[in-house]
C-alpha atoms as a PDB file:
ATOM      1  CA  MET A   1     179.578 -54.417 -85.951  1.00  0.00           C
ATOM      2  CA  ILE A   2     182.350 -51.937 -86.760  1.00  0.00           C
ATOM      3  CA  ALA A   3     180.209 -49.089 -85.428  1.00  0.00           C
ATOM      4  CA  GLY A   4     179.728 -51.005 -82.171  1.00  0.00           C
ATOM      5  CA  LEU A   5     183.469 -51.586 -81.828  1.00  0.00           C
ATOM      6  CA  ARG A   6     184.155 -47.927 -82.504  1.00  0.00           C
ATOM      7  CA  GLU A   7     181.567 -46.895 -79.902  1.00  0.00           C
ATOM      8  CA  SER A   8     183.095 -49.254 -77.316  1.00  0.00           C
ATOM      9  CA  TRP A   9     186.595 -47.955 -78.055  1.00  0.00           C
ATOM     10  CA  ASN A  10     185.455 -44.332 -77.646  1.00  0.00           C
ATOM     11  CA  PHE A  11     183.708 -45.194 -74.378  1.00  0.00           C
ATOM     12  CA  ILE A  12     186.868 -46.802 -72.973  1.00  0.00           C
ATOM     13  CA  ARG A  13     189.116 -44.015 -74.259  1.00  0.00           C
ATOM     14  CA  GLN A  14     187.007 -41.185 -72.802  1.00  0.00           C
ATOM     15  CA  ALA A  15     186.695 -42.679 -69.307  1.00  0.00           C
ATOM     16  CA  PRO A  16     189.194 -41.475 -66.697  1.00  0.00           C
ATOM     17  CA  PRO A  17     192.305 -43.595 -66.080  1.00  0.00           C
ATOM     18  CA  GLY A  18     191.787 -46.219 -63.410  1.00  0.00           C
ATOM     19  CA  GLU A  19     188.056 -46.422 -64.124  1.00  0.00           C
ATOM     20  CA  ARG A  20     187.991 -47.270 -67.829  1.00  0.00           C
ATOM     21  CA  PHE A  21     187.561 -51.015 -67.697  1.00  0.00           C
ATOM     22  CA  GLY A  22     185.301 -51.076 -64.645  1.00  0.00           C
ATOM     23  CA  ARG A  23     182.924 -48.644 -66.317  1.00  0.00           C
ATOM     24  CA  TYR A  24     183.099 -50.624 -69.534  1.00  0.00           C
ATOM     25  CA  HIS A  25     182.282 -53.846 -67.651  1.00  0.00           C
ATOM     26  CA  ARG A  26     179.291 -52.280 -65.884  1.00  0.00           C
ATOM     27  CA  ARG A  27     178.042 -50.894 -69.188  1.00  0.00           C
ATOM     28  CA  ARG A  28     178.358 -54.304 -70.867  1.00  0.00           C
ATOM     29  CA  GLN A  29     176.467 -55.950 -68.014  1.00  0.00           C
ATOM     30  CA  ARG A  30     173.597 -53.471 -68.328  1.00  0.00           C
ATOM     31  CA  GLN A  31     173.419 -54.111 -72.079  1.00  0.00           C
ATOM     32  CA  ARG A  32     173.316 -57.866 -71.600  1.00  0.00           C
ATOM     33  CA  ARG A  33     170.745 -59.385 -73.912  1.00  0.00           C
ATOM     34  CA  ARG A  34     171.872 -62.865 -74.880  1.00  0.00           C
ATOM     35  CA  ARG A  35     173.374 -64.943 -72.075  1.00  0.00           C
ATOM     36  CA  TRP A  36     174.647 -67.642 -74.426  1.00  0.00           C
ATOM     37  CA  LEU A  37     177.092 -65.135 -75.977  1.00  0.00           C
ATOM     38  CA  ARG A  38     179.042 -64.689 -72.737  1.00  0.00           C
ATOM     39  CA  PRO A  39     181.048 -67.932 -73.039  1.00  0.00           C
ATOM     40  CA  LEU A  40     181.774 -67.102 -76.674  1.00  0.00           C
ATOM     41  CA  ARG A  41     183.049 -63.629 -75.742  1.00  0.00           C
ATOM     42  CA  LEU A  42     185.181 -65.086 -72.955  1.00  0.00           C
ATOM     43  CA  ALA A  43     186.659 -67.668 -75.330  1.00  0.00           C
ATOM     44  CA  ALA A  44     187.293 -65.000 -77.962  1.00  0.00           C
ATOM     45  CA  GLY A  45     188.968 -62.777 -75.370  1.00  0.00           C
ATOM     46  CA  VAL A  46     191.254 -65.581 -74.217  1.00  0.00           C
ATOM     47  CA  ALA A  47     192.096 -66.547 -77.822  1.00  0.00           C
ATOM     48  CA  VAL A  48     192.856 -62.957 -78.869  1.00  0.00           C
ATOM     49  CA  LEU A  49     194.900 -62.351 -75.719  1.00  0.00           C
ATOM     50  CA  ALA A  50     196.909 -65.537 -76.272  1.00  0.00           C
ATOM     51  CA  ALA A  51     197.513 -64.640 -79.921  1.00  0.00           C
ATOM     52  CA  GLY A  52     198.661 -61.182 -78.861  1.00  0.00           C
ATOM     53  CA  LEU A  53     201.101 -62.607 -76.318  1.00  0.00           C
ATOM     54  CA  ILE A  54     202.554 -64.837 -79.025  1.00  0.00           C
ATOM     55  CA  LEU A  55     202.843 -61.846 -81.370  1.00  0.00           C
ATOM     56  CA  VAL A  56     204.486 -59.473 -78.866  1.00  0.00           C
ATOM     57  CA  PRO A  57     208.097 -60.433 -79.704  1.00  0.00           C
ATOM     58  CA  ALA A  58     207.419 -60.206 -83.454  1.00  0.00           C
ATOM     59  CA  PRO A  59     207.346 -56.867 -85.245  1.00  0.00           C
ATOM     60  CA  GLY A  60     203.829 -55.559 -85.567  1.00  0.00           C
ATOM     61  CA  PRO A  61     200.812 -54.819 -83.419  1.00  0.00           C
ATOM     62  CA  GLY A  62     201.287 -57.509 -80.745  1.00  0.00           C
ATOM     63  CA  LEU A  63     200.557 -55.169 -77.825  1.00  0.00           C
ATOM     64  CA  LEU A  64     197.478 -53.831 -79.590  1.00  0.00           C
ATOM     65  CA  VAL A  65     196.163 -57.380 -79.985  1.00  0.00           C
ATOM     66  CA  VAL A  66     196.841 -58.026 -76.281  1.00  0.00           C
ATOM     67  CA  ALA A  67     194.894 -54.861 -75.395  1.00  0.00           C
ATOM     68  CA  VAL A  68     191.920 -55.910 -77.524  1.00  0.00           C
ATOM     69  CA  GLY A  69     191.849 -59.363 -75.912  1.00  0.00           C
ATOM     70  CA  ALA A  70     192.080 -57.844 -72.440  1.00  0.00           C
ATOM     71  CA  ALA A  71     189.238 -55.440 -73.223  1.00  0.00           C
ATOM     72  CA  LEU A  72     187.069 -58.335 -74.425  1.00  0.00           C
ATOM     73  CA  LEU A  73     187.718 -60.142 -71.154  1.00  0.00           C
ATOM     74  CA  ALA A  74     187.092 -56.977 -69.108  1.00  0.00           C
ATOM     75  CA  GLY A  75     183.654 -56.639 -70.667  1.00  0.00           C
ATOM     76  CA  GLU A  76     182.722 -60.047 -69.287  1.00  0.00           C
ATOM     77  CA  SER A  77     184.665 -60.261 -66.000  1.00  0.00           C
ATOM     78  CA  ALA A  78     184.621 -57.729 -63.159  1.00  0.00           C
ATOM     79  CA  SER A  79     187.853 -59.094 -61.708  1.00  0.00           C
ATOM     80  CA  VAL A  80     189.685 -58.681 -65.032  1.00  0.00           C
ATOM     81  CA  ALA A  81     188.292 -55.145 -65.342  1.00  0.00           C
ATOM     82  CA  THR A  82     189.535 -54.263 -61.846  1.00  0.00           C
ATOM     83  CA  TRP A  83     192.929 -55.809 -62.549  1.00  0.00           C
ATOM     84  CA  LEU A  84     193.260 -53.812 -65.789  1.00  0.00           C
ATOM     85  CA  ASP A  85     192.272 -50.551 -64.061  1.00  0.00           C
ATOM     86  CA  HIS A  86     194.917 -51.071 -61.375  1.00  0.00           C
ATOM     87  CA  GLY A  87     197.455 -52.117 -63.999  1.00  0.00           C
ATOM     88  CA  GLU A  88     196.775 -49.004 -66.051  1.00  0.00           C
ATOM     89  CA  LEU A  89     197.449 -46.780 -63.047  1.00  0.00           C
ATOM     90  CA  ARG A  90     200.697 -48.621 -62.275  1.00  0.00           C
ATOM     91  CA  VAL A  91     201.903 -48.316 -65.863  1.00  0.00           C
ATOM     92  CA  ARG A  92     201.013 -44.612 -65.931  1.00  0.00           C
ATOM     93  CA  ARG A  93     202.964 -44.011 -62.705  1.00  0.00           C
ATOM     94  CA  TRP A  94     205.905 -45.995 -64.060  1.00  0.00           C
ATOM     95  CA  LEU A  95     205.870 -43.907 -67.255  1.00  0.00           C
ATOM     96  CA  GLY A  96     205.456 -40.704 -65.263  1.00  0.00           C
ATOM     97  CA  ARG A  97     202.067 -39.902 -66.802  1.00  0.00           C
ATOM     98  CA  GLY A  98     199.729 -40.365 -63.893  1.00  0.00           C
ATOM     99  CA  PRO A  99     199.095 -39.390 -60.308  1.00  0.00           C
ATOM    100  CA  ASN A 100     201.612 -40.608 -57.767  1.00  0.00           C
ATOM    101  CA  PRO A 101     199.916 -41.351 -54.431  1.00  0.00           C
ATOM    102  CA  ASP A 102     203.296 -41.758 -52.678  1.00  0.00           C
ATOM    103  CA  SER A 103     204.185 -38.066 -52.947  1.00  0.00           C
END
């Protein structure tokens, strides 16, 4: 299980910005073996995301927990994956670390 999580993390990390979560979603859909696990993964993603949002104001890894929950949801939902890809590009532009299409 830990090896699978590490492999997923490396896959997301190595993909280019703005395509990470879409590629991860497509990869997860190709690997699909057990359909009954999808609702469980969606529920886990929502629960982890909600816990992360509660933990954000507290000291500790609240944003990391939010990111893990979002990644779980992106693996199961194309719309969440697209939203996260667009959000990543916006955050990178805001931080000055990504391409700026307006210039």
